[in-house]
N, C-alpha and C. Protein backbone atom coordinates (compact mmCIF):
# COMPACT_ATOMS: atom_id res chain seq x y z
N MET A 1 172.82 58.29 119.38
CA MET A 1 173.61 57.74 118.28
C MET A 1 174.43 56.53 118.71
N GLY A 2 174.35 56.18 119.98
CA GLY A 2 175.12 55.03 120.44
C GLY A 2 176.40 55.46 121.12
N ASN A 3 177.30 54.47 121.34
CA ASN A 3 178.54 54.78 122.03
C ASN A 3 179.55 55.43 121.09
N ASN A 4 180.71 55.79 121.65
CA ASN A 4 181.70 56.51 120.86
C ASN A 4 182.19 55.72 119.66
N SER A 5 182.32 54.40 119.82
CA SER A 5 182.77 53.57 118.71
C SER A 5 181.77 53.61 117.57
N ASP A 6 180.49 53.56 117.91
CA ASP A 6 179.44 53.61 116.88
C ASP A 6 179.44 54.97 116.17
N ILE A 7 179.62 56.03 116.95
CA ILE A 7 179.63 57.38 116.39
C ILE A 7 180.80 57.53 115.41
N PHE A 8 181.96 57.08 115.85
CA PHE A 8 183.16 57.18 115.01
C PHE A 8 182.96 56.44 113.69
N GLN A 9 182.44 55.23 113.77
CA GLN A 9 182.24 54.43 112.56
C GLN A 9 181.20 55.06 111.64
N GLU A 10 180.16 55.63 112.23
CA GLU A 10 179.12 56.25 111.41
C GLU A 10 179.66 57.51 110.72
N PHE A 11 180.38 58.33 111.48
CA PHE A 11 180.99 59.52 110.89
C PHE A 11 181.91 59.12 109.73
N GLU A 12 182.73 58.12 109.99
CA GLU A 12 183.71 57.71 108.98
C GLU A 12 183.03 57.14 107.74
N LYS A 13 181.96 56.41 107.94
CA LYS A 13 181.21 55.84 106.81
C LYS A 13 180.74 56.96 105.88
N HIS A 14 180.19 58.01 106.46
CA HIS A 14 179.68 59.11 105.63
C HIS A 14 180.82 59.93 105.03
N LEU A 15 181.89 60.11 105.77
CA LEU A 15 183.04 60.83 105.24
C LEU A 15 183.65 60.10 104.04
N MET A 16 183.68 58.78 104.12
CA MET A 16 184.36 58.00 103.10
C MET A 16 183.45 57.61 101.93
N GLU A 17 182.15 57.55 102.17
CA GLU A 17 181.26 57.01 101.14
C GLU A 17 180.34 58.03 100.49
N ASP A 18 180.02 59.11 101.19
CA ASP A 18 179.04 60.06 100.66
C ASP A 18 179.66 60.99 99.63
N GLU A 19 178.89 61.30 98.61
CA GLU A 19 179.33 62.30 97.63
C GLU A 19 179.36 63.68 98.26
N LYS A 20 178.39 63.93 99.15
CA LYS A 20 178.34 65.19 99.90
C LYS A 20 178.11 64.87 101.37
N PRO A 21 179.19 64.62 102.11
CA PRO A 21 179.06 64.28 103.53
C PRO A 21 178.35 65.37 104.34
N SER A 22 178.37 66.59 103.86
CA SER A 22 177.75 67.70 104.60
C SER A 22 176.27 67.45 104.84
N GLN A 23 175.62 66.75 103.94
CA GLN A 23 174.18 66.52 104.10
C GLN A 23 173.89 65.72 105.36
N TYR A 24 174.72 64.73 105.63
CA TYR A 24 174.57 63.93 106.85
C TYR A 24 174.89 64.77 108.09
N PHE A 25 176.01 65.49 108.05
CA PHE A 25 176.42 66.25 109.23
C PHE A 25 175.46 67.41 109.52
N GLU A 26 174.92 68.02 108.48
CA GLU A 26 173.93 69.08 108.68
C GLU A 26 172.66 68.50 109.31
N GLU A 27 172.30 67.32 108.87
CA GLU A 27 171.08 66.67 109.37
C GLU A 27 171.19 66.37 110.86
N ILE A 28 172.32 65.80 111.28
CA ILE A 28 172.44 65.47 112.70
C ILE A 28 172.72 66.73 113.54
N ALA A 29 173.29 67.75 112.91
CA ALA A 29 173.50 69.02 113.63
C ALA A 29 172.16 69.64 113.99
N GLU A 30 171.20 69.54 113.08
CA GLU A 30 169.87 70.09 113.33
C GLU A 30 169.18 69.38 114.49
N LYS A 31 169.58 68.15 114.76
CA LYS A 31 169.01 67.40 115.88
C LYS A 31 169.71 67.73 117.20
N GLY A 32 170.73 68.58 117.13
CA GLY A 32 171.42 69.02 118.34
C GLY A 32 172.48 68.09 118.86
N ILE A 33 172.90 67.12 118.04
CA ILE A 33 173.87 66.13 118.49
C ILE A 33 175.20 66.75 118.91
N PHE A 34 175.56 67.87 118.28
CA PHE A 34 176.85 68.49 118.57
C PHE A 34 176.81 69.46 119.75
N ASN A 35 175.65 69.58 120.36
CA ASN A 35 175.51 70.48 121.51
C ASN A 35 175.43 69.74 122.84
N LYS A 36 175.52 68.41 122.79
CA LYS A 36 175.23 67.62 123.98
C LYS A 36 176.45 67.20 124.78
N GLU A 37 177.33 66.43 124.18
CA GLU A 37 178.42 65.85 124.95
C GLU A 37 179.77 66.09 124.29
N TYR A 38 180.79 66.23 125.14
CA TYR A 38 182.17 66.30 124.68
C TYR A 38 182.57 64.92 124.16
N PRO A 39 183.32 64.80 123.06
CA PRO A 39 184.00 65.86 122.32
C PRO A 39 183.20 66.42 121.14
N LEU A 40 181.95 65.94 120.96
CA LEU A 40 181.17 66.43 119.82
C LEU A 40 180.93 67.94 119.91
N THR A 41 180.98 68.46 121.13
CA THR A 41 180.80 69.90 121.31
C THR A 41 181.94 70.70 120.67
N LEU A 42 183.08 70.06 120.45
CA LEU A 42 184.18 70.76 119.77
C LEU A 42 183.77 71.12 118.34
N LEU A 43 182.99 70.26 117.72
CA LEU A 43 182.43 70.58 116.40
C LEU A 43 181.25 71.53 116.54
N GLY A 44 180.45 71.31 117.56
CA GLY A 44 179.28 72.17 117.79
C GLY A 44 179.66 73.62 117.99
N ASP A 45 180.82 73.84 118.61
CA ASP A 45 181.27 75.21 118.86
C ASP A 45 181.50 75.98 117.55
N LEU A 46 181.74 75.26 116.47
CA LEU A 46 182.00 75.91 115.18
C LEU A 46 180.74 76.52 114.57
N ILE A 47 179.59 76.03 115.00
CA ILE A 47 178.32 76.49 114.41
C ILE A 47 178.11 77.98 114.66
N ASN A 48 178.52 78.43 115.83
CA ASN A 48 178.32 79.84 116.18
C ASN A 48 179.62 80.65 116.18
N THR A 49 180.66 80.10 115.57
CA THR A 49 181.92 80.83 115.49
C THR A 49 181.97 81.61 114.17
N PRO A 50 182.01 82.93 114.25
CA PRO A 50 181.98 83.75 113.02
C PRO A 50 183.33 83.78 112.31
N GLN A 51 183.30 84.21 111.08
CA GLN A 51 184.52 84.39 110.29
C GLN A 51 184.46 85.75 109.59
N SER A 52 185.59 86.17 109.09
CA SER A 52 185.65 87.44 108.36
C SER A 52 184.75 87.38 107.13
N PRO A 53 183.77 88.27 107.03
CA PRO A 53 182.89 88.28 105.85
C PRO A 53 183.66 88.49 104.55
N LYS A 54 184.78 89.17 104.64
CA LYS A 54 185.59 89.43 103.45
C LYS A 54 186.19 88.14 102.90
N HIS A 55 186.75 87.33 103.79
CA HIS A 55 187.42 86.10 103.36
C HIS A 55 186.50 84.88 103.37
N HIS A 56 185.44 84.96 104.17
CA HIS A 56 184.52 83.82 104.29
C HIS A 56 183.07 84.28 104.23
N PRO A 57 182.61 84.70 103.05
CA PRO A 57 181.22 85.16 102.93
C PRO A 57 180.19 84.06 103.17
N GLU A 58 180.64 82.80 103.22
CA GLU A 58 179.70 81.70 103.48
C GLU A 58 179.15 81.75 104.90
N GLY A 59 179.88 82.43 105.82
CA GLY A 59 179.37 82.55 107.18
C GLY A 59 180.25 81.88 108.22
N SER A 60 179.64 81.08 109.07
CA SER A 60 180.33 80.50 110.23
C SER A 60 181.40 79.48 109.84
N VAL A 61 182.21 79.13 110.82
CA VAL A 61 183.24 78.11 110.61
C VAL A 61 182.58 76.77 110.25
N TRP A 62 181.43 76.51 110.84
CA TRP A 62 180.71 75.27 110.52
C TRP A 62 180.33 75.22 109.04
N LYS A 63 179.77 76.31 108.54
CA LYS A 63 179.37 76.35 107.13
C LYS A 63 180.59 76.15 106.22
N HIS A 64 181.69 76.78 106.60
CA HIS A 64 182.93 76.60 105.85
C HIS A 64 183.37 75.14 105.87
N THR A 65 183.33 74.53 107.05
CA THR A 65 183.75 73.14 107.20
C THR A 65 182.91 72.21 106.34
N MET A 66 181.63 72.48 106.24
CA MET A 66 180.75 71.65 105.41
C MET A 66 181.14 71.74 103.94
N LEU A 67 181.50 72.93 103.49
CA LEU A 67 181.96 73.09 102.11
C LEU A 67 183.27 72.35 101.89
N VAL A 68 184.14 72.40 102.89
CA VAL A 68 185.45 71.76 102.77
C VAL A 68 185.33 70.24 102.70
N ILE A 69 184.48 69.64 103.53
CA ILE A 69 184.38 68.18 103.49
C ILE A 69 183.74 67.70 102.18
N ASP A 70 182.86 68.51 101.61
CA ASP A 70 182.30 68.14 100.30
C ASP A 70 183.36 68.23 99.21
N ASN A 71 184.20 69.25 99.29
CA ASN A 71 185.32 69.34 98.34
C ASN A 71 186.26 68.16 98.52
N ALA A 72 186.55 67.85 99.77
CA ALA A 72 187.49 66.76 100.07
C ALA A 72 186.95 65.41 99.58
N ALA A 73 185.65 65.23 99.68
CA ALA A 73 185.04 63.98 99.22
C ALA A 73 185.28 63.76 97.73
N GLN A 74 185.37 64.86 96.99
CA GLN A 74 185.60 64.77 95.55
C GLN A 74 187.08 64.56 95.20
N LYS A 75 187.96 64.83 96.16
CA LYS A 75 189.39 64.76 95.88
C LYS A 75 190.13 63.71 96.70
N LYS A 76 189.42 63.00 97.56
CA LYS A 76 190.09 62.06 98.46
C LYS A 76 190.83 60.95 97.72
N HIS A 77 190.40 60.64 96.50
CA HIS A 77 191.08 59.60 95.73
C HIS A 77 192.51 60.01 95.36
N LEU A 78 192.81 61.30 95.47
CA LEU A 78 194.15 61.80 95.17
C LEU A 78 195.06 61.78 96.40
N SER A 79 194.48 61.50 97.55
CA SER A 79 195.22 61.56 98.81
C SER A 79 196.08 60.32 99.03
N GLU A 80 197.16 60.51 99.78
CA GLU A 80 198.02 59.40 100.17
C GLU A 80 197.31 58.47 101.16
N ASN A 81 196.38 59.05 101.92
CA ASN A 81 195.64 58.30 102.92
C ASN A 81 194.25 58.92 103.04
N PRO A 82 193.29 58.47 102.23
CA PRO A 82 191.96 59.09 102.18
C PRO A 82 191.25 59.18 103.53
N LYS A 83 191.41 58.17 104.37
CA LYS A 83 190.76 58.19 105.69
C LYS A 83 191.30 59.34 106.53
N VAL A 84 192.60 59.45 106.61
CA VAL A 84 193.24 60.54 107.36
C VAL A 84 192.83 61.89 106.75
N PHE A 85 192.85 61.95 105.45
CA PHE A 85 192.52 63.18 104.73
C PHE A 85 191.12 63.67 105.04
N MET A 86 190.15 62.77 105.04
CA MET A 86 188.76 63.18 105.28
C MET A 86 188.55 63.62 106.72
N TRP A 87 189.17 62.93 107.66
CA TRP A 87 189.05 63.36 109.05
C TRP A 87 189.72 64.71 109.27
N ALA A 88 190.84 64.93 108.60
CA ALA A 88 191.52 66.22 108.71
C ALA A 88 190.65 67.33 108.14
N ALA A 89 189.96 67.04 107.05
CA ALA A 89 189.06 68.04 106.46
C ALA A 89 187.95 68.42 107.44
N LEU A 90 187.40 67.42 108.13
CA LEU A 90 186.33 67.68 109.10
C LEU A 90 186.84 68.48 110.29
N LEU A 91 188.05 68.18 110.75
CA LEU A 91 188.56 68.77 111.99
C LEU A 91 189.52 69.93 111.78
N HIS A 92 189.77 70.32 110.54
CA HIS A 92 190.88 71.24 110.26
C HIS A 92 190.76 72.60 110.95
N ASP A 93 189.54 73.04 111.23
CA ASP A 93 189.37 74.36 111.85
C ASP A 93 188.82 74.31 113.27
N LEU A 94 189.02 73.18 113.96
CA LEU A 94 188.58 73.10 115.36
C LEU A 94 189.17 74.23 116.20
N GLY A 95 190.37 74.65 115.83
CA GLY A 95 191.06 75.68 116.61
C GLY A 95 190.46 77.07 116.49
N LYS A 96 189.53 77.26 115.56
CA LYS A 96 188.96 78.60 115.39
C LYS A 96 188.01 78.98 116.52
N ALA A 97 187.33 78.02 117.10
CA ALA A 97 186.38 78.36 118.17
C ALA A 97 187.09 79.04 119.35
N PRO A 98 188.17 78.48 119.88
CA PRO A 98 188.82 79.13 121.02
C PRO A 98 189.72 80.31 120.66
N THR A 99 190.07 80.47 119.39
CA THR A 99 191.02 81.53 119.03
C THR A 99 190.38 82.73 118.34
N THR A 100 189.13 82.62 117.95
CA THR A 100 188.48 83.71 117.22
C THR A 100 188.23 84.91 118.12
N LYS A 101 188.76 86.05 117.70
CA LYS A 101 188.62 87.31 118.44
C LYS A 101 188.30 88.43 117.46
N ILE A 102 187.77 89.51 118.00
CA ILE A 102 187.57 90.71 117.19
C ILE A 102 188.66 91.70 117.57
N ARG A 103 189.53 91.99 116.62
CA ARG A 103 190.64 92.91 116.85
C ARG A 103 190.53 94.06 115.87
N LYS A 104 190.39 95.26 116.40
CA LYS A 104 190.28 96.46 115.56
C LYS A 104 189.21 96.27 114.48
N GLU A 105 188.05 95.77 114.92
CA GLU A 105 186.88 95.57 114.07
C GLU A 105 187.10 94.48 113.01
N ARG A 106 188.11 93.65 113.21
CA ARG A 106 188.38 92.53 112.30
C ARG A 106 188.26 91.22 113.07
N ILE A 107 187.64 90.22 112.43
CA ILE A 107 187.54 88.89 113.03
C ILE A 107 188.80 88.12 112.68
N THR A 108 189.53 87.69 113.70
CA THR A 108 190.77 86.95 113.48
C THR A 108 190.75 85.63 114.26
N SER A 109 191.64 84.72 113.86
CA SER A 109 191.76 83.43 114.56
C SER A 109 193.22 83.00 114.53
N TYR A 110 194.07 83.85 115.08
CA TYR A 110 195.50 83.59 115.07
C TYR A 110 195.83 82.28 115.80
N ASN A 111 196.75 81.52 115.20
CA ASN A 111 197.23 80.25 115.76
C ASN A 111 196.17 79.16 115.80
N HIS A 112 195.11 79.31 115.03
CA HIS A 112 194.08 78.27 115.08
C HIS A 112 194.59 76.95 114.52
N ASP A 113 195.62 77.00 113.68
CA ASP A 113 196.20 75.77 113.15
C ASP A 113 196.91 74.98 114.25
N LYS A 114 197.67 75.69 115.08
CA LYS A 114 198.40 75.03 116.17
C LYS A 114 197.45 74.52 117.25
N ILE A 115 196.52 75.36 117.65
CA ILE A 115 195.53 74.96 118.66
C ILE A 115 194.66 73.83 118.12
N GLY A 116 194.30 73.95 116.85
CA GLY A 116 193.45 72.94 116.23
C GLY A 116 194.10 71.57 116.17
N ALA A 117 195.41 71.54 115.96
CA ALA A 117 196.12 70.25 115.93
C ALA A 117 195.98 69.53 117.27
N LYS A 118 196.08 70.28 118.35
CA LYS A 118 195.94 69.69 119.69
C LYS A 118 194.50 69.24 119.94
N LEU A 119 193.55 70.05 119.50
CA LEU A 119 192.15 69.70 119.69
C LEU A 119 191.75 68.49 118.85
N ALA A 120 192.35 68.35 117.68
CA ALA A 120 192.08 67.18 116.85
C ALA A 120 192.51 65.90 117.56
N VAL A 121 193.65 65.97 118.25
CA VAL A 121 194.12 64.83 119.04
C VAL A 121 193.13 64.54 120.17
N ASP A 122 192.73 65.58 120.88
CA ASP A 122 191.78 65.41 121.98
C ASP A 122 190.47 64.80 121.49
N PHE A 123 190.00 65.28 120.36
CA PHE A 123 188.75 64.78 119.78
C PHE A 123 188.86 63.30 119.43
N LEU A 124 189.87 62.95 118.67
CA LEU A 124 189.99 61.58 118.16
C LEU A 124 190.31 60.57 119.25
N LYS A 125 191.01 60.99 120.30
CA LYS A 125 191.33 60.07 121.39
C LYS A 125 190.09 59.57 122.11
N GLU A 126 189.00 60.31 121.98
CA GLU A 126 187.74 59.87 122.59
C GLU A 126 187.09 58.73 121.80
N PHE A 127 187.58 58.51 120.57
CA PHE A 127 186.96 57.52 119.70
C PHE A 127 187.86 56.35 119.33
N THR A 128 189.17 56.57 119.35
CA THR A 128 190.09 55.52 118.89
C THR A 128 191.42 55.61 119.63
N ASP A 129 192.09 54.47 119.75
CA ASP A 129 193.42 54.46 120.36
C ASP A 129 194.51 54.25 119.30
N ASP A 130 194.15 54.45 118.04
CA ASP A 130 195.10 54.33 116.93
C ASP A 130 195.95 55.60 116.88
N GLU A 131 197.07 55.58 117.58
CA GLU A 131 197.89 56.78 117.72
C GLU A 131 198.51 57.24 116.40
N GLU A 132 198.84 56.30 115.54
CA GLU A 132 199.41 56.67 114.24
C GLU A 132 198.39 57.45 113.41
N PHE A 133 197.17 56.96 113.40
CA PHE A 133 196.09 57.64 112.68
C PHE A 133 195.85 59.03 113.27
N ILE A 134 195.75 59.10 114.59
CA ILE A 134 195.50 60.38 115.26
C ILE A 134 196.60 61.38 114.93
N ASN A 135 197.83 60.93 114.98
CA ASN A 135 198.96 61.82 114.70
C ASN A 135 198.93 62.33 113.27
N LYS A 136 198.60 61.47 112.33
CA LYS A 136 198.58 61.88 110.93
C LYS A 136 197.49 62.92 110.66
N VAL A 137 196.34 62.75 111.30
CA VAL A 137 195.27 63.74 111.16
C VAL A 137 195.72 65.07 111.77
N SER A 138 196.29 64.98 112.96
CA SER A 138 196.74 66.18 113.67
C SER A 138 197.78 66.95 112.86
N VAL A 139 198.67 66.23 112.21
CA VAL A 139 199.72 66.86 111.41
C VAL A 139 199.12 67.66 110.25
N LEU A 140 198.13 67.10 109.58
CA LEU A 140 197.50 67.84 108.48
C LEU A 140 196.79 69.09 108.99
N VAL A 141 196.14 68.97 110.13
CA VAL A 141 195.49 70.13 110.73
C VAL A 141 196.53 71.19 111.08
N ARG A 142 197.64 70.74 111.66
CA ARG A 142 198.69 71.66 112.09
C ARG A 142 199.24 72.50 110.94
N TRP A 143 199.39 71.90 109.77
CA TRP A 143 200.09 72.58 108.68
C TRP A 143 199.17 73.10 107.57
N HIS A 144 197.87 73.05 107.77
CA HIS A 144 196.97 73.40 106.66
C HIS A 144 197.02 74.87 106.27
N MET A 145 197.57 75.73 107.12
CA MET A 145 197.66 77.15 106.80
C MET A 145 198.95 77.54 106.10
N GLN A 146 199.83 76.59 105.89
CA GLN A 146 201.14 76.92 105.33
C GLN A 146 201.07 77.52 103.93
N ILE A 147 200.06 77.17 103.17
CA ILE A 147 199.96 77.75 101.82
C ILE A 147 199.91 79.27 101.89
N LEU A 148 199.14 79.80 102.82
CA LEU A 148 199.04 81.26 102.97
C LEU A 148 200.38 81.85 103.41
N PHE A 149 201.00 81.21 104.38
CA PHE A 149 202.25 81.73 104.93
C PHE A 149 203.39 81.67 103.92
N VAL A 150 203.45 80.58 103.16
CA VAL A 150 204.53 80.41 102.18
C VAL A 150 204.34 81.34 100.99
N VAL A 151 203.14 81.36 100.44
CA VAL A 151 202.88 82.17 99.25
C VAL A 151 203.07 83.66 99.53
N LYS A 152 202.70 84.08 100.74
CA LYS A 152 202.81 85.50 101.08
C LYS A 152 204.12 85.85 101.80
N ASN A 153 205.03 84.88 101.85
CA ASN A 153 206.34 85.10 102.48
C ASN A 153 206.22 85.61 103.92
N LEU A 154 205.29 85.05 104.65
CA LEU A 154 205.10 85.45 106.04
C LEU A 154 206.08 84.72 106.95
N PRO A 155 206.40 85.30 108.09
CA PRO A 155 207.38 84.67 109.00
C PRO A 155 206.91 83.37 109.62
N PHE A 156 205.62 83.05 109.45
CA PHE A 156 205.08 81.81 110.03
C PHE A 156 205.32 80.60 109.12
N ALA A 157 205.88 80.84 107.94
CA ALA A 157 206.17 79.73 107.02
C ALA A 157 207.24 78.83 107.63
N GLU A 158 206.97 77.53 107.63
CA GLU A 158 207.91 76.55 108.20
C GLU A 158 207.99 75.34 107.27
N ILE A 159 208.55 75.54 106.12
CA ILE A 159 208.59 74.49 105.11
C ILE A 159 209.33 73.25 105.61
N ASP A 160 210.47 73.45 106.24
CA ASP A 160 211.27 72.31 106.69
C ASP A 160 210.53 71.48 107.74
N ASN A 161 209.96 72.15 108.73
CA ASN A 161 209.23 71.43 109.77
C ASN A 161 208.02 70.70 109.19
N MET A 162 207.30 71.39 108.31
CA MET A 162 206.14 70.77 107.67
C MET A 162 206.55 69.52 106.89
N ALA A 163 207.58 69.66 106.07
CA ALA A 163 208.00 68.56 105.21
C ALA A 163 208.59 67.39 105.99
N SER A 164 209.03 67.65 107.22
CA SER A 164 209.56 66.57 108.05
C SER A 164 208.44 65.70 108.63
N GLN A 165 207.21 66.22 108.56
CA GLN A 165 206.08 65.50 109.17
C GLN A 165 205.07 64.98 108.15
N THR A 166 204.99 65.63 107.00
CA THR A 166 204.02 65.22 105.99
C THR A 166 204.52 65.69 104.63
N SER A 167 203.80 65.34 103.58
CA SER A 167 204.25 65.71 102.24
C SER A 167 203.65 67.05 101.80
N VAL A 168 204.38 67.75 101.00
CA VAL A 168 203.91 69.02 100.44
C VAL A 168 202.63 68.80 99.65
N ASP A 169 202.59 67.72 98.88
CA ASP A 169 201.42 67.45 98.04
C ASP A 169 200.16 67.21 98.86
N GLU A 170 200.31 66.56 100.01
CA GLU A 170 199.13 66.28 100.84
C GLU A 170 198.59 67.57 101.46
N ILE A 171 199.48 68.43 101.90
CA ILE A 171 199.06 69.72 102.44
C ILE A 171 198.41 70.56 101.33
N ALA A 172 198.98 70.50 100.15
CA ALA A 172 198.42 71.24 99.02
C ALA A 172 197.01 70.76 98.69
N LEU A 173 196.79 69.45 98.78
CA LEU A 173 195.47 68.89 98.47
C LEU A 173 194.44 69.35 99.50
N LEU A 174 194.79 69.28 100.78
CA LEU A 174 193.87 69.74 101.82
C LEU A 174 193.64 71.24 101.69
N SER A 175 194.69 71.97 101.38
CA SER A 175 194.58 73.42 101.23
C SER A 175 193.67 73.79 100.07
N THR A 176 193.72 73.00 99.01
CA THR A 176 192.83 73.24 97.87
C THR A 176 191.37 73.15 98.31
N CYS A 177 191.05 72.11 99.06
CA CYS A 177 189.68 71.94 99.55
C CYS A 177 189.30 73.08 100.49
N ASP A 178 190.25 73.50 101.30
CA ASP A 178 190.04 74.58 102.25
C ASP A 178 189.80 75.90 101.52
N ARG A 179 190.67 76.23 100.58
CA ARG A 179 190.59 77.50 99.87
C ARG A 179 189.36 77.56 98.95
N PHE A 180 188.98 76.41 98.41
CA PHE A 180 187.79 76.36 97.55
C PHE A 180 186.49 76.37 98.37
N GLY A 181 186.60 76.08 99.67
CA GLY A 181 185.42 75.96 100.52
C GLY A 181 184.94 77.29 101.07
N ARG A 182 184.64 78.20 100.18
CA ARG A 182 184.20 79.54 100.57
C ARG A 182 182.99 79.95 99.75
N GLY A 183 182.21 80.85 100.30
CA GLY A 183 181.08 81.37 99.56
C GLY A 183 181.54 82.36 98.50
N GLY A 184 180.72 82.54 97.48
CA GLY A 184 181.01 83.55 96.47
C GLY A 184 182.20 83.25 95.58
N MET A 185 182.54 81.96 95.45
CA MET A 185 183.68 81.61 94.60
C MET A 185 183.30 81.72 93.12
N THR A 186 184.01 82.57 92.41
CA THR A 186 183.79 82.73 90.97
C THR A 186 184.86 81.95 90.21
N GLU A 187 184.70 81.85 88.92
CA GLU A 187 185.69 81.16 88.10
C GLU A 187 187.06 81.82 88.24
N GLU A 188 187.04 83.14 88.32
CA GLU A 188 188.29 83.89 88.48
C GLU A 188 188.96 83.58 89.81
N LYS A 189 188.15 83.49 90.87
CA LYS A 189 188.70 83.19 92.19
C LYS A 189 189.24 81.77 92.27
N PHE A 190 188.55 80.83 91.62
CA PHE A 190 189.04 79.46 91.59
C PHE A 190 190.41 79.40 90.90
N LYS A 191 190.55 80.12 89.80
CA LYS A 191 191.81 80.14 89.06
C LYS A 191 192.92 80.77 89.89
N GLU A 192 192.57 81.82 90.62
CA GLU A 192 193.56 82.49 91.47
C GLU A 192 194.04 81.55 92.58
N GLU A 193 193.10 80.83 93.20
CA GLU A 193 193.47 79.91 94.27
C GLU A 193 194.31 78.75 93.72
N GLU A 194 193.94 78.26 92.55
CA GLU A 194 194.71 77.17 91.93
C GLU A 194 196.13 77.63 91.63
N LYS A 195 196.26 78.86 91.19
CA LYS A 195 197.58 79.43 90.92
C LYS A 195 198.40 79.51 92.20
N ASN A 196 197.76 79.90 93.30
CA ASN A 196 198.45 79.97 94.59
C ASN A 196 198.89 78.59 95.06
N ILE A 197 198.05 77.60 94.84
CA ILE A 197 198.39 76.23 95.23
C ILE A 197 199.63 75.75 94.48
N GLN A 198 199.65 75.99 93.18
CA GLN A 198 200.79 75.56 92.37
C GLN A 198 202.06 76.32 92.76
N HIS A 199 201.90 77.59 93.10
CA HIS A 199 203.04 78.39 93.55
C HIS A 199 203.59 77.84 94.86
N PHE A 200 202.68 77.46 95.75
CA PHE A 200 203.06 76.87 97.04
C PHE A 200 203.87 75.59 96.83
N ILE A 201 203.36 74.71 95.98
CA ILE A 201 204.05 73.44 95.72
C ILE A 201 205.44 73.69 95.13
N LYS A 202 205.49 74.56 94.14
CA LYS A 202 206.76 74.86 93.48
C LYS A 202 207.77 75.46 94.45
N LYS A 203 207.32 76.41 95.24
CA LYS A 203 208.20 77.10 96.17
C LYS A 203 208.73 76.14 97.24
N CYS A 204 207.85 75.30 97.76
CA CYS A 204 208.27 74.33 98.78
C CYS A 204 209.28 73.34 98.22
N LYS A 205 209.00 72.81 97.05
CA LYS A 205 209.88 71.79 96.48
C LYS A 205 211.22 72.38 96.05
N GLN A 206 211.21 73.61 95.59
CA GLN A 206 212.47 74.27 95.26
C GLN A 206 213.31 74.48 96.51
N HIS A 207 212.66 74.88 97.58
CA HIS A 207 213.35 75.09 98.86
C HIS A 207 213.97 73.79 99.36
N LEU A 208 213.19 72.71 99.30
CA LEU A 208 213.67 71.42 99.80
C LEU A 208 214.78 70.86 98.92
N GLU A 209 214.68 71.09 97.62
CA GLU A 209 215.72 70.62 96.70
C GLU A 209 217.01 71.39 96.93
N GLN A 210 216.88 72.69 97.14
CA GLN A 210 218.06 73.52 97.41
C GLN A 210 218.74 73.08 98.70
N LYS A 211 217.95 72.79 99.70
CA LYS A 211 218.50 72.33 100.98
C LYS A 211 219.23 71.00 100.81
N LYS A 212 218.66 70.12 100.01
CA LYS A 212 219.27 68.82 99.74
C LYS A 212 220.60 68.99 99.01
N ASN A 213 220.62 69.87 98.03
CA ASN A 213 221.84 70.12 97.26
C ASN A 213 222.93 70.74 98.12
N ASN A 214 222.53 71.61 99.02
CA ASN A 214 223.50 72.25 99.92
C ASN A 214 224.17 71.22 100.83
N LYS A 215 223.40 70.23 101.24
CA LYS A 215 223.95 69.18 102.10
C LYS A 215 224.96 68.33 101.33
N ILE A 216 224.63 68.06 100.06
CA ILE A 216 225.52 67.24 99.22
C ILE A 216 226.83 67.97 98.97
N ASN A 217 226.71 69.27 98.73
CA ASN A 217 227.90 70.07 98.43
C ASN A 217 228.65 70.48 99.71
């Protein structure tokens, strides 16, 4: 495929221009491109990384990622930075390969958001020295799980830290693509996920507004 600069530009072209970028990535995956050299192997590792059949009936992390980038391609026009958004969609679950374990007969990937943020930096540094771009992608990867943590009132929710690095709306947009990128999605499930997204946005903004008012008072 050429040198790293050529690879980066080709990936970006398909991420930004294709209606379904997954078709391109599936095609080159079949040729074994992701099994050959680092850092492409970081994506290749996702092909054989399993997920919980209950939450991800589509199968591997790779299959999930392909659904997510296709969703993102349809929504990137809503993003504050479509280029960053599309790369974040592609790399959002890099952390699942090293963190996926079977615990008590359950497939888990604890902290894959944190590990994935670091891996996204490692991946992109092989292709570009644009540190601002790399950081913005990494930030979206880092916080993409917050919708689950906030909506379910889990102790991992970090609204203040998240909002200090990126916007609630941008995380909500990526999360929409992520949550919709699953197998077996019915109309009812889509509505449920959309409801969760709106609840996440409302809860975050209420929290931030309350914090702002407390400072004023």
